[in-house]
Amino acid sequence: MLKRVALLVVLLLIVVVVFTFTARNPGLIDIDLAFLEVTTSIPLAFTVTFAAGWIFGVLSMALFAWRLLRERRSLRRSLRVSESEVSSLRNLPLTDAD
């Protein structure tokens, strides 16, 4: 319950900051992309930049998580093999070293 309230407060804070930023920066900005020049509002440029950065971050974390899951599967497979080997060694009869 507390996490939801905290998330709601953070989202509300973000919305207030965005509206304040938009209201205080009504100007236009020229963006030169080397092959295209675009004129757009400052808040839209910041929003697109923020969204692109967020998407890049999510994709980077997804790649990292995928690698961790792949390593985890490999380690679990190795653990199963080791456990079966230990189990088979425990079942061997003991012999004296006479």
N, C-alpha and C. Protein backbone atom coordinates (compact mmCIF):
# COMPACT_ATOMS: atom_id res chain seq x y z
N MET A 1 0.82 -1.19 0.00
CA MET A 1 0.00 0.00 0.00
C MET A 1 0.87 1.26 0.00
N LEU A 2 1.92 1.25 0.82
CA LEU A 2 2.80 2.41 0.90
C LEU A 2 3.55 2.63 -0.41
N LYS A 3 3.89 1.53 -1.10
CA LYS A 3 4.58 1.67 -2.39
C LYS A 3 3.69 2.35 -3.42
N ARG A 4 2.40 2.01 -3.41
CA ARG A 4 1.47 2.62 -4.36
C ARG A 4 1.30 4.10 -4.09
N VAL A 5 1.23 4.46 -2.82
CA VAL A 5 1.10 5.87 -2.47
C VAL A 5 2.37 6.63 -2.88
N ALA A 6 3.53 6.04 -2.62
CA ALA A 6 4.78 6.69 -3.01
C ALA A 6 4.86 6.84 -4.53
N LEU A 7 4.46 5.81 -5.27
CA LEU A 7 4.46 5.88 -6.73
C LEU A 7 3.51 6.96 -7.22
N LEU A 8 2.34 7.06 -6.60
CA LEU A 8 1.37 8.08 -6.98
C LEU A 8 1.93 9.48 -6.70
N VAL A 9 2.60 9.66 -5.57
CA VAL A 9 3.19 10.96 -5.24
C VAL A 9 4.29 11.30 -6.24
N VAL A 10 5.12 10.34 -6.60
CA VAL A 10 6.19 10.60 -7.57
C VAL A 10 5.60 10.95 -8.93
N LEU A 11 4.59 10.21 -9.37
CA LEU A 11 3.96 10.52 -10.66
C LEU A 11 3.31 11.90 -10.65
N LEU A 12 2.65 12.23 -9.55
CA LEU A 12 2.03 13.55 -9.44
C LEU A 12 3.10 14.65 -9.47
N LEU A 13 4.21 14.43 -8.81
CA LEU A 13 5.31 15.38 -8.82
C LEU A 13 5.86 15.57 -10.23
N ILE A 14 6.01 14.47 -10.97
CA ILE A 14 6.50 14.54 -12.35
C ILE A 14 5.53 15.35 -13.22
N VAL A 15 4.23 15.12 -13.06
CA VAL A 15 3.24 15.85 -13.85
C VAL A 15 3.31 17.34 -13.53
N VAL A 16 3.44 17.69 -12.25
CA VAL A 16 3.53 19.10 -11.88
C VAL A 16 4.78 19.74 -12.48
N VAL A 17 5.91 19.04 -12.42
CA VAL A 17 7.15 19.57 -12.98
C VAL A 17 7.02 19.76 -14.49
N VAL A 18 6.41 18.80 -15.17
CA VAL A 18 6.24 18.90 -16.63
C VAL A 18 5.34 20.09 -16.98
N PHE A 19 4.23 20.24 -16.28
CA PHE A 19 3.35 21.37 -16.57
C PHE A 19 4.03 22.71 -16.28
N THR A 20 4.78 22.77 -15.20
CA THR A 20 5.51 24.00 -14.87
C THR A 20 6.55 24.31 -15.94
N PHE A 21 7.30 23.29 -16.34
CA PHE A 21 8.32 23.46 -17.38
C PHE A 21 7.68 23.92 -18.69
N THR A 22 6.56 23.33 -19.03
CA THR A 22 5.88 23.68 -20.28
C THR A 22 5.37 25.12 -20.23
N ALA A 23 4.82 25.51 -19.11
CA ALA A 23 4.27 26.86 -18.99
C ALA A 23 5.37 27.92 -19.00
N ARG A 24 6.52 27.62 -18.45
CA ARG A 24 7.58 28.62 -18.35
C ARG A 24 8.49 28.65 -19.57
N ASN A 25 8.38 27.70 -20.49
CA ASN A 25 9.24 27.64 -21.68
C ASN A 25 8.40 27.48 -22.95
N PRO A 26 7.71 28.53 -23.35
CA PRO A 26 6.84 28.40 -24.53
C PRO A 26 7.56 28.55 -25.87
N GLY A 27 8.85 28.80 -25.85
CA GLY A 27 9.59 29.10 -27.08
C GLY A 27 9.82 27.89 -27.98
N LEU A 28 10.36 28.18 -29.14
CA LEU A 28 10.69 27.15 -30.13
C LEU A 28 12.19 26.95 -30.15
N ILE A 29 12.59 25.79 -30.63
CA ILE A 29 14.01 25.43 -30.71
C ILE A 29 14.25 24.77 -32.07
N ASP A 30 15.41 25.06 -32.67
CA ASP A 30 15.81 24.42 -33.93
C ASP A 30 16.73 23.25 -33.60
N ILE A 31 16.41 22.09 -34.13
CA ILE A 31 17.22 20.89 -33.92
C ILE A 31 17.79 20.47 -35.27
N ASP A 32 19.11 20.42 -35.35
CA ASP A 32 19.79 20.03 -36.58
C ASP A 32 20.28 18.59 -36.43
N LEU A 33 19.72 17.67 -37.20
CA LEU A 33 20.07 16.26 -37.14
C LEU A 33 21.02 15.84 -38.25
N ALA A 34 21.74 16.77 -38.83
CA ALA A 34 22.72 16.57 -39.89
C ALA A 34 22.06 16.26 -41.24
N PHE A 35 20.96 15.59 -41.26
CA PHE A 35 20.26 15.30 -42.51
C PHE A 35 18.87 15.92 -42.53
N LEU A 36 18.48 16.51 -41.40
CA LEU A 36 17.15 17.09 -41.27
C LEU A 36 17.19 18.17 -40.20
N GLU A 37 16.53 19.29 -40.45
CA GLU A 37 16.43 20.34 -39.44
C GLU A 37 14.97 20.48 -39.05
N VAL A 38 14.72 20.42 -37.74
CA VAL A 38 13.36 20.44 -37.23
C VAL A 38 13.21 21.61 -36.28
N THR A 39 12.09 22.31 -36.37
CA THR A 39 11.74 23.35 -35.42
C THR A 39 10.59 22.84 -34.58
N THR A 40 10.81 22.81 -33.27
CA THR A 40 9.80 22.27 -32.36
C THR A 40 9.81 23.05 -31.05
N SER A 41 8.82 22.81 -30.23
CA SER A 41 8.77 23.49 -28.94
C SER A 41 9.78 22.86 -27.98
N ILE A 42 10.23 23.64 -27.02
CA ILE A 42 11.23 23.16 -26.07
C ILE A 42 10.70 21.98 -25.25
N PRO A 43 9.48 22.06 -24.70
CA PRO A 43 8.98 20.91 -23.93
C PRO A 43 8.89 19.62 -24.74
N LEU A 44 8.49 19.74 -26.00
CA LEU A 44 8.40 18.54 -26.84
C LEU A 44 9.78 17.96 -27.10
N ALA A 45 10.76 18.81 -27.32
CA ALA A 45 12.13 18.33 -27.54
C ALA A 45 12.65 17.60 -26.30
N PHE A 46 12.41 18.18 -25.11
CA PHE A 46 12.83 17.52 -23.88
C PHE A 46 12.08 16.22 -23.64
N THR A 47 10.79 16.20 -23.95
CA THR A 47 9.99 14.99 -23.76
C THR A 47 10.48 13.87 -24.67
N VAL A 48 10.75 14.18 -25.91
CA VAL A 48 11.25 13.17 -26.85
C VAL A 48 12.61 12.66 -26.42
N THR A 49 13.48 13.58 -25.97
CA THR A 49 14.81 13.18 -25.50
C THR A 49 14.70 12.30 -24.27
N PHE A 50 13.84 12.67 -23.34
CA PHE A 50 13.64 11.88 -22.13
C PHE A 50 13.11 10.49 -22.48
N ALA A 51 12.11 10.43 -23.37
CA ALA A 51 11.53 9.15 -23.75
C ALA A 51 12.55 8.26 -24.45
N ALA A 52 13.36 8.85 -25.32
CA ALA A 52 14.39 8.06 -26.02
C ALA A 52 15.42 7.53 -25.03
N GLY A 53 15.81 8.34 -24.07
CA GLY A 53 16.75 7.88 -23.04
C GLY A 53 16.15 6.79 -22.18
N TRP A 54 14.88 6.94 -21.84
CA TRP A 54 14.20 5.93 -21.02
C TRP A 54 14.12 4.61 -21.78
N ILE A 55 13.76 4.66 -23.05
CA ILE A 55 13.66 3.44 -23.86
C ILE A 55 15.03 2.78 -23.99
N PHE A 56 16.07 3.57 -24.21
CA PHE A 56 17.43 3.02 -24.28
C PHE A 56 17.81 2.35 -22.97
N GLY A 57 17.47 2.97 -21.85
CA GLY A 57 17.75 2.40 -20.54
C GLY A 57 17.01 1.09 -20.31
N VAL A 58 15.75 1.05 -20.69
CA VAL A 58 14.96 -0.18 -20.53
C VAL A 58 15.52 -1.30 -21.39
N LEU A 59 15.89 -0.98 -22.62
CA LEU A 59 16.46 -2.00 -23.50
C LEU A 59 17.81 -2.49 -22.98
N SER A 60 18.61 -1.58 -22.44
CA SER A 60 19.90 -1.98 -21.87
C SER A 60 19.69 -2.91 -20.67
N MET A 61 18.76 -2.58 -19.81
CA MET A 61 18.48 -3.42 -18.63
C MET A 61 17.89 -4.76 -19.06
N ALA A 62 17.08 -4.76 -20.12
CA ALA A 62 16.51 -6.02 -20.61
C ALA A 62 17.62 -6.93 -21.12
N LEU A 63 18.58 -6.37 -21.82
CA LEU A 63 19.71 -7.15 -22.30
C LEU A 63 20.51 -7.71 -21.12
N PHE A 64 20.76 -6.89 -20.11
CA PHE A 64 21.47 -7.33 -18.92
C PHE A 64 20.70 -8.44 -18.20
N ALA A 65 19.38 -8.26 -18.06
CA ALA A 65 18.55 -9.28 -17.40
C ALA A 65 18.53 -10.57 -18.21
N TRP A 66 18.48 -10.47 -19.53
CA TRP A 66 18.49 -11.67 -20.38
C TRP A 66 19.79 -12.44 -20.19
N ARG A 67 20.91 -11.72 -20.12
CA ARG A 67 22.20 -12.39 -19.90
C ARG A 67 22.23 -13.07 -18.53
N LEU A 68 21.70 -12.40 -17.52
CA LEU A 68 21.66 -13.01 -16.19
C LEU A 68 20.78 -14.27 -16.17
N LEU A 69 19.65 -14.21 -16.83
CA LEU A 69 18.76 -15.38 -16.88
C LEU A 69 19.42 -16.54 -17.63
N ARG A 70 20.13 -16.21 -18.70
CA ARG A 70 20.83 -17.26 -19.45
C ARG A 70 21.91 -17.90 -18.58
N GLU A 71 22.66 -17.09 -17.85
CA GLU A 71 23.68 -17.62 -16.95
C GLU A 71 23.05 -18.44 -15.83
N ARG A 72 21.92 -17.99 -15.34
CA ARG A 72 21.22 -18.72 -14.27
C ARG A 72 20.77 -20.10 -14.76
N ARG A 73 20.23 -20.15 -15.98
CA ARG A 73 19.83 -21.45 -16.54
C ARG A 73 21.02 -22.38 -16.67
N SER A 74 22.13 -21.85 -17.13
CA SER A 74 23.34 -22.66 -17.27
C SER A 74 23.82 -23.16 -15.92
N LEU A 75 23.80 -22.30 -14.91
CA LEU A 75 24.23 -22.72 -13.58
C LEU A 75 23.29 -23.75 -12.97
N ARG A 76 21.99 -23.60 -13.19
CA ARG A 76 21.03 -24.61 -12.69
C ARG A 76 21.25 -25.96 -13.36
N ARG A 77 21.53 -25.93 -14.66
CA ARG A 77 21.80 -27.17 -15.38
C ARG A 77 23.06 -27.83 -14.82
N SER A 78 24.09 -27.05 -14.59
CA SER A 78 25.33 -27.56 -14.01
C SER A 78 25.09 -28.10 -12.60
N LEU A 79 24.25 -27.45 -11.84
CA LEU A 79 23.93 -27.91 -10.49
C LEU A 79 23.20 -29.25 -10.52
N ARG A 80 22.27 -29.40 -11.45
CA ARG A 80 21.55 -30.68 -11.57
C ARG A 80 22.51 -31.82 -11.90
N VAL A 81 23.45 -31.56 -12.82
CA VAL A 81 24.42 -32.58 -13.18
C VAL A 81 25.29 -32.92 -11.97
N SER A 82 25.74 -31.92 -11.25
CA SER A 82 26.58 -32.16 -10.07
C SER A 82 25.82 -32.90 -8.98
N GLU A 83 24.56 -32.55 -8.77
CA GLU A 83 23.76 -33.24 -7.76
C GLU A 83 23.53 -34.69 -8.12
N SER A 84 23.29 -34.96 -9.40
CA SER A 84 23.09 -36.36 -9.80
C SER A 84 24.40 -37.15 -9.65
N GLU A 85 25.53 -36.50 -9.93
CA GLU A 85 26.82 -37.17 -9.75
C GLU A 85 27.07 -37.47 -8.28
N VAL A 86 26.78 -36.54 -7.41
CA VAL A 86 26.96 -36.76 -5.97
C VAL A 86 26.02 -37.87 -5.50
N SER A 87 24.80 -37.85 -5.99
CA SER A 87 23.84 -38.89 -5.61
C SER A 87 24.32 -40.27 -6.05
N SER A 88 24.85 -40.37 -7.26
CA SER A 88 25.32 -41.67 -7.73
C SER A 88 26.56 -42.11 -6.96
N LEU A 89 27.41 -41.18 -6.57
CA LEU A 89 28.59 -41.54 -5.77
C LEU A 89 28.19 -41.98 -4.36
N ARG A 90 27.15 -41.42 -3.81
CA ARG A 90 26.69 -41.83 -2.49
C ARG A 90 26.12 -43.24 -2.52
N ASN A 91 25.60 -43.64 -3.63
CA ASN A 91 24.97 -44.97 -3.74
C ASN A 91 25.99 -46.06 -3.99
N LEU A 92 27.25 -45.71 -4.26
CA LEU A 92 28.27 -46.73 -4.48
C LEU A 92 28.59 -47.43 -3.15
N PRO A 93 28.83 -48.72 -3.19
CA PRO A 93 29.16 -49.42 -1.96
C PRO A 93 30.55 -49.01 -1.48
N LEU A 94 30.71 -48.97 -0.16
CA LEU A 94 32.00 -48.62 0.42
C LEU A 94 32.88 -49.86 0.41
N THR A 95 34.13 -49.67 0.05
CA THR A 95 35.10 -50.80 0.08
C THR A 95 36.23 -50.44 1.01
N ASP A 96 36.78 -51.43 1.70
CA ASP A 96 37.91 -51.21 2.60
C ASP A 96 39.19 -51.16 1.78
N ALA A 97 40.15 -50.45 2.28
CA ALA A 97 41.42 -50.32 1.58
C ALA A 97 42.40 -51.33 2.19
N ASP A 98 42.06 -52.60 2.23
CA ASP A 98 42.90 -53.63 2.84
C ASP A 98 44.15 -53.84 2.05
